[in-house]
């Protein structure tokens, strides 16, 4: 009897489906320390978990536009970024830097 295989990518996406708070924490970590490419990857993973078609419809974006926006070279406009986050049940926020000195 063989053990079913699931890739790391599939496991990550599946974890976002089951735990919205984890998806939020993951995206916040990428926003804090990641590059733009890493941010696009994180958004793609979360959008995949929630359903790309559903995200596109909820964000009022053409699915092709959503895929292009979340591509490794994507550079979403602020309104599209906010719409995509809103479709995922999230929002963009600003927090003060923690003074470590």
PDB file of N, CA and C in Angstrom:
ATOM      1  N   UNK A   1       0.847  -1.180   0.000  1.00  0.00           N
ATOM      2  CA  UNK A   1       0.000   0.000   0.000  1.00  0.00           C
ATOM      3  C   UNK A   1       0.892   1.243   0.000  1.00  0.00           C
ATOM      4  N   UNK A   2       0.692   2.113  -0.959  1.00  0.00           N
ATOM      5  CA  UNK A   2       1.526   3.305  -1.072  1.00  0.00           C
ATOM      6  C   UNK A   2       0.917   4.464  -0.295  1.00  0.00           C
ATOM      7  N   UNK A   3       1.793   5.322   0.180  1.00  0.00           N
ATOM      8  CA  UNK A   3       1.367   6.517   0.900  1.00  0.00           C
ATOM      9  C   UNK A   3       1.067   7.613  -0.115  1.00  0.00           C
ATOM     10  N   UNK A   4      -0.084   8.261  -0.001  1.00  0.00           N
ATOM     11  CA  UNK A   4      -0.376   9.350  -0.946  1.00  0.00           C
ATOM     12  C   UNK A   4       0.650  10.472  -0.793  1.00  0.00           C
ATOM     13  N   UNK A   5       1.006  11.051  -1.918  1.00  0.00           N
ATOM     14  CA  UNK A   5       1.997  12.119  -1.924  1.00  0.00           C
ATOM     15  C   UNK A   5       1.297  13.445  -2.156  1.00  0.00           C
ATOM     16  N   UNK A   6       1.671  14.434  -1.391  1.00  0.00           N
ATOM     17  CA  UNK A   6       1.199  15.796  -1.613  1.00  0.00           C
ATOM     18  C   UNK A   6       2.431  16.694  -1.554  1.00  0.00           C
ATOM     19  N   UNK A   7       2.565  17.549  -2.548  1.00  0.00           N
ATOM     20  CA  UNK A   7       3.734  18.428  -2.606  1.00  0.00           C
ATOM     21  C   UNK A   7       3.652  19.488  -1.499  1.00  0.00           C
ATOM     22  N   UNK A   8       4.786  20.089  -1.227  1.00  0.00           N
ATOM     23  CA  UNK A   8       4.829  21.175  -0.230  1.00  0.00           C
ATOM     24  C   UNK A   8       3.886  22.306  -0.646  1.00  0.00           C
ATOM     25  N   UNK A   9       3.911  22.632  -1.942  1.00  0.00           N
ATOM     26  CA  UNK A   9       3.044  23.699  -2.464  1.00  0.00           C
ATOM     27  C   UNK A   9       1.571  23.369  -2.204  1.00  0.00           C
ATOM     28  N   UNK A  10       1.182  22.135  -2.519  1.00  0.00           N
ATOM     29  CA  UNK A  10      -0.215  21.720  -2.300  1.00  0.00           C
ATOM     30  C   UNK A  10      -0.569  21.728  -0.814  1.00  0.00           C
ATOM     31  N   UNK A  11       0.371  21.287   0.031  1.00  0.00           N
ATOM     32  CA  UNK A  11       0.134  21.278   1.474  1.00  0.00           C
ATOM     33  C   UNK A  11      -0.017  22.693   2.013  1.00  0.00           C
ATOM     34  N   UNK A  12       0.807  23.614   1.505  1.00  0.00           N
ATOM     35  CA  UNK A  12       0.717  25.010   1.936  1.00  0.00           C
ATOM     36  C   UNK A  12      -0.632  25.597   1.554  1.00  0.00           C
ATOM     37  N   UNK A  13      -1.037  25.390   0.311  1.00  0.00           N
ATOM     38  CA  UNK A  13      -2.327  25.903  -0.162  1.00  0.00           C
ATOM     39  C   UNK A  13      -3.467  25.292   0.634  1.00  0.00           C
ATOM     40  N   UNK A  14      -3.385  23.999   0.893  1.00  0.00           N
ATOM     41  CA  UNK A  14      -4.430  23.318   1.671  1.00  0.00           C
ATOM     42  C   UNK A  14      -4.513  23.897   3.083  1.00  0.00           C
ATOM     43  N   UNK A  15      -3.361  24.233   3.679  1.00  0.00           N
ATOM     44  CA  UNK A  15      -3.373  24.792   5.037  1.00  0.00           C
ATOM     45  C   UNK A  15      -4.063  26.156   5.061  1.00  0.00           C
ATOM     46  N   UNK A  16      -3.925  26.929   3.975  1.00  0.00           N
ATOM     47  CA  UNK A  16      -4.608  28.216   3.908  1.00  0.00           C
ATOM     48  C   UNK A  16      -6.120  28.029   3.807  1.00  0.00           C
ATOM     49  N   UNK A  17      -6.565  26.985   3.118  1.00  0.00           N
ATOM     50  CA  UNK A  17      -7.999  26.691   3.007  1.00  0.00           C
ATOM     51  C   UNK A  17      -8.604  26.433   4.383  1.00  0.00           C
ATOM     52  N   UNK A  18      -7.810  25.769   5.226  1.00  0.00           N
ATOM     53  CA  UNK A  18      -8.315  25.329   6.528  1.00  0.00           C
ATOM     54  C   UNK A  18      -8.070  26.314   7.665  1.00  0.00           C
ATOM     55  N   UNK A  19      -7.235  27.314   7.444  1.00  0.00           N
ATOM     56  CA  UNK A  19      -6.861  28.215   8.539  1.00  0.00           C
ATOM     57  C   UNK A  19      -6.622  29.633   8.012  1.00  0.00           C
ATOM     58  N   UNK A  20      -7.676  30.442   8.032  1.00  0.00           N
ATOM     59  CA  UNK A  20      -7.597  31.814   7.529  1.00  0.00           C
ATOM     60  C   UNK A  20      -6.563  32.628   8.307  1.00  0.00           C
ATOM     61  N   UNK A  21      -6.496  32.446   9.613  1.00  0.00           N
ATOM     62  CA  UNK A  21      -5.539  33.199  10.430  1.00  0.00           C
ATOM     63  C   UNK A  21      -4.107  32.876  10.033  1.00  0.00           C
ATOM     64  N   UNK A  22      -3.835  31.627   9.680  1.00  0.00           N
ATOM     65  CA  UNK A  22      -2.505  31.249   9.216  1.00  0.00           C
ATOM     66  C   UNK A  22      -2.172  31.980   7.917  1.00  0.00           C
ATOM     67  N   UNK A  23      -3.138  32.063   7.018  1.00  0.00           N
ATOM     68  CA  UNK A  23      -2.933  32.784   5.757  1.00  0.00           C
ATOM     69  C   UNK A  23      -2.612  34.250   6.027  1.00  0.00           C
ATOM     70  N   UNK A  24      -3.309  34.857   6.973  1.00  0.00           N
ATOM     71  CA  UNK A  24      -3.066  36.254   7.339  1.00  0.00           C
ATOM     72  C   UNK A  24      -1.654  36.418   7.911  1.00  0.00           C
ATOM     73  N   UNK A  25      -1.268  35.535   8.828  1.00  0.00           N
ATOM     74  CA  UNK A  25       0.063  35.607   9.433  1.00  0.00           C
ATOM     75  C   UNK A  25       1.156  35.414   8.380  1.00  0.00           C
ATOM     76  N   UNK A  26       0.942  34.472   7.483  1.00  0.00           N
ATOM     77  CA  UNK A  26       1.901  34.198   6.415  1.00  0.00           C
ATOM     78  C   UNK A  26       2.087  35.439   5.539  1.00  0.00           C
ATOM     79  N   UNK A  27       0.980  36.039   5.131  1.00  0.00           N
ATOM     80  CA  UNK A  27       1.067  37.215   4.272  1.00  0.00           C
ATOM     81  C   UNK A  27       1.714  38.386   5.005  1.00  0.00           C
ATOM     82  N   UNK A  28       1.414  38.580   6.268  1.00  0.00           N
ATOM     83  CA  UNK A  28       2.055  39.644   7.045  1.00  0.00           C
ATOM     84  C   UNK A  28       3.567  39.424   7.138  1.00  0.00           C
ATOM     85  N   UNK A  29       3.989  38.186   7.330  1.00  0.00           N
ATOM     86  CA  UNK A  29       5.427  37.887   7.405  1.00  0.00           C
ATOM     87  C   UNK A  29       6.108  38.206   6.080  1.00  0.00           C
ATOM     88  N   UNK A  30       5.463  37.857   4.975  1.00  0.00           N
ATOM     89  CA  UNK A  30       6.037  38.150   3.662  1.00  0.00           C
ATOM     90  C   UNK A  30       6.078  39.656   3.423  1.00  0.00           C
ATOM     91  N   UNK A  31       5.027  40.361   3.805  1.00  0.00           N
ATOM     92  CA  UNK A  31       5.013  41.818   3.652  1.00  0.00           C
ATOM     93  C   UNK A  31       6.129  42.471   4.461  1.00  0.00           C
ATOM     94  N   UNK A  32       6.415  41.916   5.624  1.00  0.00           N
ATOM     95  CA  UNK A  32       7.430  42.506   6.494  1.00  0.00           C
ATOM     96  C   UNK A  32       8.847  42.241   5.992  1.00  0.00           C
ATOM     97  N   UNK A  33       9.108  41.034   5.512  1.00  0.00           N
ATOM     98  CA  UNK A  33      10.486  40.653   5.218  1.00  0.00           C
ATOM     99  C   UNK A  33      10.742  40.230   3.778  1.00  0.00           C
ATOM    100  N   UNK A  34       9.707  40.090   2.969  1.00  0.00           N
ATOM    101  CA  UNK A  34       9.880  39.500   1.651  1.00  0.00           C
ATOM    102  C   UNK A  34      10.092  40.504   0.533  1.00  0.00           C
ATOM    103  N   UNK A  35      10.426  39.958  -0.609  1.00  0.00           N
ATOM    104  CA  UNK A  35      10.578  40.741  -1.833  1.00  0.00           C
ATOM    105  C   UNK A  35       9.225  40.817  -2.537  1.00  0.00           C
ATOM    106  N   UNK A  36       9.164  41.605  -3.592  1.00  0.00           N
ATOM    107  CA  UNK A  36       7.924  41.695  -4.359  1.00  0.00           C
ATOM    108  C   UNK A  36       7.568  40.339  -4.974  1.00  0.00           C
ATOM    109  N   UNK A  37       8.560  39.614  -5.460  1.00  0.00           N
ATOM    110  CA  UNK A  37       8.318  38.297  -6.041  1.00  0.00           C
ATOM    111  C   UNK A  37       7.736  37.348  -4.997  1.00  0.00           C
ATOM    112  N   UNK A  38       8.259  37.407  -3.778  1.00  0.00           N
ATOM    113  CA  UNK A  38       7.746  36.559  -2.699  1.00  0.00           C
ATOM    114  C   UNK A  38       6.321  36.957  -2.322  1.00  0.00           C
ATOM    115  N   UNK A  39       6.038  38.248  -2.367  1.00  0.00           N
ATOM    116  CA  UNK A  39       4.683  38.719  -2.094  1.00  0.00           C
ATOM    117  C   UNK A  39       3.711  38.205  -3.152  1.00  0.00           C
ATOM    118  N   UNK A  40       4.104  38.265  -4.413  1.00  0.00           N
ATOM    119  CA  UNK A  40       3.231  37.764  -5.484  1.00  0.00           C
ATOM    120  C   UNK A  40       2.992  36.267  -5.337  1.00  0.00           C
ATOM    121  N   UNK A  41       4.018  35.526  -4.951  1.00  0.00           N
ATOM    122  CA  UNK A  41       3.878  34.089  -4.730  1.00  0.00           C
ATOM    123  C   UNK A  41       2.923  33.821  -3.565  1.00  0.00           C
ATOM    124  N   UNK A  42       3.082  34.561  -2.483  1.00  0.00           N
ATOM    125  CA  UNK A  42       2.201  34.392  -1.329  1.00  0.00           C
ATOM    126  C   UNK A  42       0.752  34.690  -1.702  1.00  0.00           C
ATOM    127  N   UNK A  43       0.532  35.766  -2.416  1.00  0.00           N
ATOM    128  CA  UNK A  43      -0.833  36.109  -2.849  1.00  0.00           C
ATOM    129  C   UNK A  43      -1.399  35.044  -3.779  1.00  0.00           C
ATOM    130  N   UNK A  44      -0.572  34.514  -4.683  1.00  0.00           N
ATOM    131  CA  UNK A  44      -1.026  33.446  -5.584  1.00  0.00           C
ATOM    132  C   UNK A  44      -1.428  32.210  -4.797  1.00  0.00           C
ATOM    133  N   UNK A  45      -0.616  31.838  -3.825  1.00  0.00           N
ATOM    134  CA  UNK A  45      -0.927  30.658  -3.008  1.00  0.00           C
ATOM    135  C   UNK A  45      -2.249  30.844  -2.263  1.00  0.00           C
ATOM    136  N   UNK A  46      -2.424  31.992  -1.660  1.00  0.00           N
ATOM    137  CA  UNK A  46      -3.648  32.230  -0.899  1.00  0.00           C
ATOM    138  C   UNK A  46      -4.849  32.312  -1.828  1.00  0.00           C
ATOM    139  N   UNK A  47      -4.696  32.990  -2.962  1.00  0.00           N
ATOM    140  CA  UNK A  47      -5.788  33.060  -3.941  1.00  0.00           C
ATOM    141  C   UNK A  47      -6.147  31.670  -4.453  1.00  0.00           C
ATOM    142  N   UNK A  48      -5.153  30.821  -4.661  1.00  0.00           N
ATOM    143  CA  UNK A  48      -5.414  29.444  -5.085  1.00  0.00           C
ATOM    144  C   UNK A  48      -6.212  28.696  -4.024  1.00  0.00           C
ATOM    145  N   UNK A  49      -5.868  28.926  -2.774  1.00  0.00           N
ATOM    146  CA  UNK A  49      -6.587  28.275  -1.678  1.00  0.00           C
ATOM    147  C   UNK A  49      -8.053  28.695  -1.638  1.00  0.00           C
ATOM    148  N   UNK A  50      -8.310  29.959  -1.895  1.00  0.00           N
ATOM    149  CA  UNK A  50      -9.671  30.484  -1.814  1.00  0.00           C
ATOM    150  C   UNK A  50     -10.418  30.374  -3.136  1.00  0.00           C
ATOM    151  N   UNK A  51      -9.695  29.974  -4.183  1.00  0.00           N
ATOM    152  CA  UNK A  51     -10.305  29.827  -5.507  1.00  0.00           C
ATOM    153  C   UNK A  51     -10.074  31.062  -6.355  1.00  0.00           C
ATOM    154  N   UNK A  52      -9.226  30.914  -7.369  1.00  0.00           N
ATOM    155  CA  UNK A  52      -8.880  32.054  -8.225  1.00  0.00           C
ATOM    156  C   UNK A  52     -10.121  32.665  -8.865  1.00  0.00           C
ATOM    157  N   UNK A  53     -11.023  31.831  -9.344  1.00  0.00           N
ATOM    158  CA  UNK A  53     -12.228  32.344  -9.997  1.00  0.00           C
ATOM    159  C   UNK A  53     -13.055  33.153  -9.005  1.00  0.00           C
ATOM    160  N   UNK A  54     -13.213  32.639  -7.805  1.00  0.00           N
ATOM    161  CA  UNK A  54     -13.972  33.343  -6.774  1.00  0.00           C
ATOM    162  C   UNK A  54     -13.312  34.668  -6.410  1.00  0.00           C
ATOM    163  N   UNK A  55     -11.985  34.662  -6.259  1.00  0.00           N
ATOM    164  CA  UNK A  55     -11.257  35.900  -5.930  1.00  0.00           C
ATOM    165  C   UNK A  55     -11.439  36.917  -7.048  1.00  0.00           C
ATOM    166  N   UNK A  56     -11.295  36.478  -8.300  1.00  0.00           N
ATOM    167  CA  UNK A  56     -11.450  37.390  -9.441  1.00  0.00           C
ATOM    168  C   UNK A  56     -12.845  38.001  -9.455  1.00  0.00           C
ATOM    169  N   UNK A  57     -13.867  37.175  -9.263  1.00  0.00           N
ATOM    170  CA  UNK A  57     -15.247  37.681  -9.274  1.00  0.00           C
ATOM    171  C   UNK A  57     -15.490  38.653  -8.128  1.00  0.00           C
ATOM    172  N   UNK A  58     -15.062  38.278  -6.940  1.00  0.00           N
ATOM    173  CA  UNK A  58     -15.288  39.121  -5.760  1.00  0.00           C
ATOM    174  C   UNK A  58     -14.524  40.440  -5.859  1.00  0.00           C
ATOM    175  N   UNK A  59     -13.331  40.394  -6.442  1.00  0.00           N
ATOM    176  CA  UNK A  59     -12.498  41.602  -6.589  1.00  0.00           C
ATOM    177  C   UNK A  59     -12.874  42.406  -7.829  1.00  0.00           C
ATOM    178  N   UNK A  60     -13.851  41.904  -8.594  1.00  0.00           N
ATOM    179  CA  UNK A  60     -14.285  42.555  -9.838  1.00  0.00           C
ATOM    180  C   UNK A  60     -13.138  42.702 -10.824  1.00  0.00           C
ATOM    181  N   UNK A  61     -12.375  41.599 -10.969  1.00  0.00           N
ATOM    182  CA  UNK A  61     -11.259  41.564 -11.908  1.00  0.00           C
ATOM    183  C   UNK A  61     -11.494  40.447 -12.916  1.00  0.00           C
ATOM    184  N   UNK A  62     -11.026  40.655 -14.107  1.00  0.00           N
ATOM    185  CA  UNK A  62     -11.017  39.608 -15.108  1.00  0.00           C
ATOM    186  C   UNK A  62     -10.052  38.532 -14.620  1.00  0.00           C
ATOM    187  N   UNK A  63     -10.405  37.240 -14.722  1.00  0.00           N
ATOM    188  CA  UNK A  63      -9.475  36.203 -14.255  1.00  0.00           C
ATOM    189  C   UNK A  63      -8.086  36.299 -14.877  1.00  0.00           C
ATOM    190  N   UNK A  64      -7.994  36.656 -16.154  1.00  0.00           N
ATOM    191  CA  UNK A  64      -6.679  36.819 -16.787  1.00  0.00           C
ATOM    192  C   UNK A  64      -5.900  37.946 -16.125  1.00  0.00           C
ATOM    193  N   UNK A  65      -6.605  39.012 -15.774  1.00  0.00           N
ATOM    194  CA  UNK A  65      -5.953  40.136 -15.086  1.00  0.00           C
ATOM    195  C   UNK A  65      -5.435  39.687 -13.726  1.00  0.00           C
ATOM    196  N   UNK A  66      -6.221  38.887 -13.025  1.00  0.00           N
ATOM    197  CA  UNK A  66      -5.794  38.401 -11.712  1.00  0.00           C
ATOM    198  C   UNK A  66      -4.542  37.543 -11.845  1.00  0.00           C
ATOM    199  N   UNK A  67      -4.552  36.599 -12.770  1.00  0.00           N
ATOM    200  CA  UNK A  67      -3.377  35.747 -12.974  1.00  0.00           C
ATOM    201  C   UNK A  67      -2.152  36.583 -13.344  1.00  0.00           C
ATOM    202  N   UNK A  68      -2.335  37.549 -14.222  1.00  0.00           N
ATOM    203  CA  UNK A  68      -1.225  38.408 -14.650  1.00  0.00           C
ATOM    204  C   UNK A  68      -0.731  39.256 -13.469  1.00  0.00           C
ATOM    205  N   UNK A  69      -1.658  39.784 -12.691  1.00  0.00           N
ATOM    206  CA  UNK A  69      -1.304  40.605 -11.537  1.00  0.00           C
ATOM    207  C   UNK A  69      -0.503  39.813 -10.515  1.00  0.00           C
ATOM    208  N   UNK A  70      -0.876  38.543 -10.320  1.00  0.00           N
ATOM    209  CA  UNK A  70      -0.214  37.720  -9.308  1.00  0.00           C
ATOM    210  C   UNK A  70       0.953  36.902  -9.872  1.00  0.00           C
ATOM    211  N   UNK A  71       1.350  37.195 -11.102  1.00  0.00           N
ATOM    212  CA  UNK A  71       2.488  36.497 -11.699  1.00  0.00           C
ATOM    213  C   UNK A  71       3.773  36.937 -11.001  1.00  0.00           C
ATOM    214  N   UNK A  72       4.862  36.190 -11.180  1.00  0.00           N
ATOM    215  CA  UNK A  72       6.127  36.577 -10.535  1.00  0.00           C
ATOM    216  C   UNK A  72       6.582  37.990 -10.890  1.00  0.00           C
ATOM    217  N   UNK A  73       6.186  38.488 -12.041  1.00  0.00           N
ATOM    218  CA  UNK A  73       6.566  39.848 -12.433  1.00  0.00           C
ATOM    219  C   UNK A  73       5.412  40.832 -12.258  1.00  0.00           C
ATOM    220  N   UNK A  74       4.351  40.387 -11.604  1.00  0.00           N
ATOM    221  CA  UNK A  74       3.184  41.247 -11.406  1.00  0.00           C
ATOM    222  C   UNK A  74       3.508  42.473 -10.576  1.00  0.00           C
ATOM    223  N   UNK A  75       2.807  43.532 -10.859  1.00  0.00           N
ATOM    224  CA  UNK A  75       2.993  44.788 -10.138  1.00  0.00           C
ATOM    225  C   UNK A  75       1.614  45.421  -9.989  1.00  0.00           C
ATOM    226  N   UNK A  76       0.810  44.912  -9.046  1.00  0.00           N
ATOM    227  CA  UNK A  76      -0.572  45.380  -8.956  1.00  0.00           C
ATOM    228  C   UNK A  76      -0.677  46.839  -8.533  1.00  0.00           C
ATOM    229  N   UNK A  77      -1.653  47.497  -9.104  1.00  0.00           N
ATOM    230  CA  UNK A  77      -1.988  48.837  -8.639  1.00  0.00           C
ATOM    231  C   UNK A  77      -2.583  48.703  -7.239  1.00  0.00           C
ATOM    232  N   UNK A  78      -2.519  49.754  -6.470  1.00  0.00           N
ATOM    233  CA  UNK A  78      -3.022  49.720  -5.105  1.00  0.00           C
ATOM    234  C   UNK A  78      -4.492  49.308  -5.062  1.00  0.00           C
ATOM    235  N   UNK A  79      -5.308  49.820  -5.975  1.00  0.00           N
ATOM    236  CA  UNK A  79      -6.735  49.481  -5.934  1.00  0.00           C
ATOM    237  C   UNK A  79      -6.951  47.999  -6.206  1.00  0.00           C
ATOM    238  N   UNK A  80      -6.171  47.399  -7.123  1.00  0.00           N
ATOM    239  CA  UNK A  80      -6.294  45.966  -7.378  1.00  0.00           C
ATOM    240  C   UNK A  80      -5.783  45.158  -6.191  1.00  0.00           C
ATOM    241  N   UNK A  81      -4.679  45.604  -5.604  1.00  0.00           N
ATOM    242  CA  UNK A  81      -4.125  44.932  -4.430  1.00  0.00           C
ATOM    243  C   UNK A  81      -5.150  44.929  -3.302  1.00  0.00           C
ATOM    244  N   UNK A  82      -5.769  46.084  -3.060  1.00  0.00           N
ATOM    245  CA  UNK A  82      -6.792  46.175  -2.014  1.00  0.00           C
ATOM    246  C   UNK A  82      -8.004  45.306  -2.346  1.00  0.00           C
ATOM    247  N   UNK A  83      -8.399  45.276  -3.611  1.00  0.00           N
ATOM    248  CA  UNK A  83      -9.545  44.467  -4.025  1.00  0.00           C
ATOM    249  C   UNK A  83      -9.253  42.978  -3.846  1.00  0.00           C
ATOM    250  N   UNK A  84      -8.049  42.559  -4.196  1.00  0.00           N
ATOM    251  CA  UNK A  84      -7.667  41.153  -4.040  1.00  0.00           C
ATOM    252  C   UNK A  84      -7.636  40.785  -2.563  1.00  0.00           C
ATOM    253  N   UNK A  85      -7.021  41.619  -1.744  1.00  0.00           N
ATOM    254  CA  UNK A  85      -7.004  41.363  -0.304  1.00  0.00           C
ATOM    255  C   UNK A  85      -8.417  41.308   0.259  1.00  0.00           C
ATOM    256  N   UNK A  86      -9.271  42.240  -0.158  1.00  0.00           N
ATOM    257  CA  UNK A  86     -10.651  42.257   0.315  1.00  0.00           C
ATOM    258  C   UNK A  86     -11.385  40.982  -0.066  1.00  0.00           C
ATOM    259  N   UNK A  87     -11.144  40.476  -1.264  1.00  0.00           N
ATOM    260  CA  UNK A  87     -11.776  39.237  -1.710  1.00  0.00           C
ATOM    261  C   UNK A  87     -11.295  38.041  -0.887  1.00  0.00           C
ATOM    262  N   UNK A  88     -10.114  38.179  -0.278  1.00  0.00           N
ATOM    263  CA  UNK A  88      -9.563  37.129   0.577  1.00  0.00           C
ATOM    264  C   UNK A  88      -9.964  37.325   2.045  1.00  0.00           C
ATOM    265  N   UNK A  89     -10.740  38.353   2.306  1.00  0.00           N
ATOM    266  CA  UNK A  89     -11.140  38.635   3.683  1.00  0.00           C
ATOM    267  C   UNK A  89     -10.051  39.303   4.491  1.00  0.00           C
ATOM    268  N   UNK A  90      -9.208  40.079   3.802  1.00  0.00           N
ATOM    269  CA  UNK A  90      -8.091  40.764   4.456  1.00  0.00           C
ATOM    270  C   UNK A  90      -8.082  42.222   4.034  1.00  0.00           C
ATOM    271  N   UNK A  91      -7.253  43.018   4.721  1.00  0.00           N
ATOM    272  CA  UNK A  91      -7.085  44.408   4.336  1.00  0.00           C
ATOM    273  C   UNK A  91      -5.646  44.824   4.605  1.00  0.00           C
ATOM    274  N   UNK A  92      -5.246  45.870   3.935  1.00  0.00           N
ATOM    275  CA  UNK A  92      -3.917  46.434   4.098  1.00  0.00           C
ATOM    276  C   UNK A  92      -3.954  47.395   5.274  1.00  0.00           C
ATOM    277  N   UNK A  93      -2.950  47.327   6.143  1.00  0.00           N
ATOM    278  CA  UNK A  93      -2.895  48.219   7.303  1.00  0.00           C
ATOM    279  C   UNK A  93      -1.456  48.674   7.518  1.00  0.00           C
ATOM    280  N   UNK A  94      -1.296  49.769   8.191  1.00  0.00           N
ATOM    281  CA  UNK A  94       0.025  50.305   8.527  1.00  0.00           C
ATOM    282  C   UNK A  94       0.167  50.261  10.040  1.00  0.00           C
ATOM    283  N   UNK A  95       1.351  49.827  10.481  1.00  0.00           N
ATOM    284  CA  UNK A  95       1.613  49.748  11.914  1.00  0.00           C
ATOM    285  C   UNK A  95       2.915  50.484  12.202  1.00  0.00           C
ATOM    286  N   UNK A  96       3.053  51.063  13.375  1.00  0.00           N
ATOM    287  CA  UNK A  96       4.313  51.736  13.695  1.00  0.00           C
ATOM    288  C   UNK A  96       5.434  50.700  13.861  1.00  0.00           C
ATOM    289  N   UNK A  97       6.641  51.118  13.540  1.00  0.00           N
ATOM    290  CA  UNK A  97       7.798  50.261  13.771  1.00  0.00           C
ATOM    291  C   UNK A  97       7.999  50.103  15.271  1.00  0.00           C
ATOM    292  N   UNK A  98       8.423  48.939  15.691  1.00  0.00           N
ATOM    293  CA  UNK A  98       8.709  48.703  17.097  1.00  0.00           C
ATOM    294  C   UNK A  98      10.103  49.254  17.383  1.00  0.00           C
ATOM    295  N   UNK A  99      10.201  50.074  18.398  1.00  0.00           N
ATOM    296  CA  UNK A  99      11.488  50.635  18.797  1.00  0.00           C
ATOM    297  C   UNK A  99      12.226  49.610  19.639  1.00  0.00           C
ATOM    298  N   UNK A 100      13.284  49.039  19.094  1.00  0.00           N
ATOM    299  CA  UNK A 100      14.027  47.995  19.800  1.00  0.00           C
ATOM    300  C   UNK A 100      15.196  48.536  20.614  1.00  0.00           C
ATOM    301  N   UNK A 101      15.439  49.831  20.540  1.00  0.00           N
ATOM    302  CA  UNK A 101      16.597  50.395  21.259  1.00  0.00           C
ATOM    303  C   UNK A 101      16.252  50.728  22.676  1.00  0.00           C
TER     304      UNK A 101
END
